[in-house]
Protein backbone atom coordinates (compact mmCIF):
# COMPACT_ATOMS: atom_id res chain seq x y z
CA MET A 1 5.07 -26.88 -9.63
CA ALA A 2 8.77 -27.52 -9.31
CA GLU A 3 10.77 -26.60 -6.22
CA ALA A 4 12.55 -23.80 -8.11
CA ALA A 5 9.16 -22.28 -9.00
CA TRP A 6 8.03 -22.40 -5.34
CA LYS A 7 11.17 -20.63 -4.25
CA GLN A 8 10.77 -17.96 -6.93
CA ARG A 9 7.18 -17.26 -5.84
CA TYR A 10 8.38 -16.51 -2.30
CA ILE A 11 11.17 -14.32 -3.63
CA ASP A 12 8.66 -12.45 -5.81
CA LEU A 13 6.38 -11.91 -2.81
CA PHE A 14 8.86 -11.17 -0.02
CA GLY A 15 12.08 -10.30 -1.83
CA TYR A 16 13.86 -13.37 -0.43
CA LEU A 17 13.23 -16.99 0.54
CA PRO A 18 12.19 -16.99 4.22
CA PRO A 19 14.19 -19.51 6.30
CA HIS A 20 11.03 -21.27 7.48
CA VAL A 21 10.14 -22.01 3.86
CA GLN A 22 13.54 -23.57 3.21
CA ALA A 23 13.08 -25.61 6.39
CA ARG A 24 9.70 -26.79 5.06
CA ILE A 25 11.37 -27.92 1.83
CA ASP A 26 14.24 -29.59 3.65
CA LEU A 27 11.93 -31.51 5.99
CA ALA A 28 9.68 -32.69 3.15
CA ALA A 29 12.74 -33.86 1.22
CA SER A 30 14.20 -35.72 4.20
CA ALA A 31 10.80 -37.31 4.94
CA ASP A 32 10.33 -38.26 1.27
CA ARG A 33 7.13 -36.16 1.25
CA MET A 34 7.83 -33.78 -1.63
CA PRO A 35 4.51 -34.72 -3.34
CA ALA A 36 2.65 -33.54 -0.21
CA LEU A 37 4.60 -30.28 -0.18
CA ASP A 38 3.91 -29.88 -3.89
CA ALA A 39 0.17 -30.15 -3.17
CA ILE A 40 0.44 -27.52 -0.43
CA GLU A 41 2.53 -25.15 -2.56
CA THR A 42 0.21 -25.59 -5.56
CA LEU A 43 -2.78 -24.59 -3.41
CA ARG A 44 -0.85 -21.64 -1.99
CA ASP A 45 0.18 -20.58 -5.48
CA GLU A 46 -3.41 -20.65 -6.72
CA LEU A 47 -4.81 -18.75 -3.75
CA ILE A 48 -2.10 -16.09 -3.60
CA HIS A 49 -0.63 -15.65 -7.06
CA HIS A 50 -3.80 -16.24 -9.09
CA ASN A 51 -6.14 -14.37 -6.75
CA PRO A 52 -8.42 -11.70 -8.26
CA LEU A 53 -7.28 -9.20 -5.62
CA GLU A 54 -4.26 -7.14 -6.52
CA ARG A 55 -1.17 -8.11 -4.54
CA LYS A 56 -1.11 -4.98 -2.34
CA VAL A 57 -4.73 -5.43 -1.24
CA GLN A 58 -4.30 -9.13 -0.68
CA GLN A 59 -1.18 -8.62 1.43
CA MET A 60 -2.90 -5.97 3.54
CA ILE A 61 -5.82 -8.35 4.18
CA HIS A 62 -3.40 -11.14 5.01
CA LEU A 63 -1.58 -8.79 7.40
CA GLY A 64 -4.79 -7.82 9.18
CA MET A 65 -5.80 -11.46 9.69
CA LEU A 66 -2.39 -12.33 11.09
CA LEU A 67 -2.49 -9.34 13.46
CA VAL A 68 -5.82 -10.50 14.87
CA LEU A 69 -4.39 -13.99 15.34
CA GLY A 70 -1.33 -12.51 17.06
CA HIS A 71 1.19 -14.14 14.70
CA ARG A 72 4.12 -11.70 14.84
CA GLU A 73 6.61 -13.26 12.40
CA PRO A 74 4.12 -14.05 9.60
CA ALA A 75 2.58 -10.58 10.11
CA ARG A 76 6.02 -9.03 9.73
CA LEU A 77 6.59 -10.91 6.46
CA HIS A 78 3.24 -9.85 5.05
CA ALA A 79 3.74 -6.24 6.16
CA GLN A 80 7.00 -6.29 4.20
CA ALA A 81 5.22 -7.85 1.21
CA ALA A 82 2.52 -5.15 1.39
CA VAL A 83 5.18 -2.42 1.39
CA LYS A 84 6.97 -4.16 -1.50
CA ALA A 85 3.63 -4.18 -3.36
CA GLY A 86 3.22 -0.41 -2.85
CA ALA A 87 1.22 -0.05 0.37
CA SER A 88 1.58 3.36 1.98
CA ALA A 89 2.08 4.14 5.64
CA ALA A 90 -1.51 5.45 5.77
CA GLU A 91 -2.91 2.26 4.24
CA LEU A 92 -0.93 0.08 6.62
CA HIS A 93 -2.03 2.16 9.59
CA GLY A 94 -5.58 1.60 8.37
CA VAL A 95 -4.96 -2.15 8.51
CA CYS A 96 -3.79 -1.76 12.13
CA GLU A 97 -6.91 0.25 12.96
CA THR A 98 -9.17 -2.33 11.32
CA ALA A 99 -7.42 -5.19 13.14
CA ALA A 100 -8.21 -3.40 16.42
CA ILE A 101 -11.94 -3.78 15.75
CA VAL A 102 -11.67 -7.57 15.92
CA GLY A 103 -8.47 -8.11 17.92
CA GLY A 104 -8.44 -5.10 20.24
CA MET A 105 -5.38 -3.17 21.33
CA PRO A 106 -3.09 -6.22 21.23
CA ALA A 107 -3.71 -6.55 17.48
CA PHE A 108 -3.31 -2.81 16.96
CA SER A 109 -0.07 -2.69 18.95
CA LEU A 110 1.37 -5.68 17.14
CA GLY A 111 0.43 -4.02 13.86
CA VAL A 112 2.18 -0.81 14.81
CA GLN A 113 5.32 -2.79 15.63
CA VAL A 114 5.45 -4.87 12.44
CA VAL A 115 4.38 -2.01 10.15
CA THR A 116 6.94 0.36 11.66
CA ALA A 117 9.65 -2.26 11.11
CA ALA A 118 8.49 -2.97 7.55
CA LEU A 119 8.46 0.73 6.65
CA GLY A 120 11.88 1.17 8.25
CA ASP A 121 13.26 -1.79 6.27
CA ALA A 122 11.90 -0.19 3.09
CA GLY A 123 13.34 3.22 3.84
CA GLY A 124 10.23 4.89 5.27
CA GLY A 125 7.39 3.63 3.09
CA SER A 126 5.24 5.78 0.85
């Protein structure tokens, strides 16, 4: 895949190119490691954009895993992507509840925070 295609995939998923992705590209370019980044982005493309799960479901699963791991910023991005893909407030709350089974109240509380922000950014969710 070409760099322009990588960038477009992120824009399709999140609505913009996250700064950490641009930093990844910039570092690979300055280190003369663009072939390595191409391999990583090709794998990512296959697993995310050619996955048999519909985008909304996949993003909600991704969100739940990130909540359990306690990764706030990636969870926020994937909550936004889930909303962009049509996830409702009830579905996202369900992800928070499910994350609590594995990650306890810290995962649930983090989920409430990132989902509330994502719904607010989208104008209230569905």
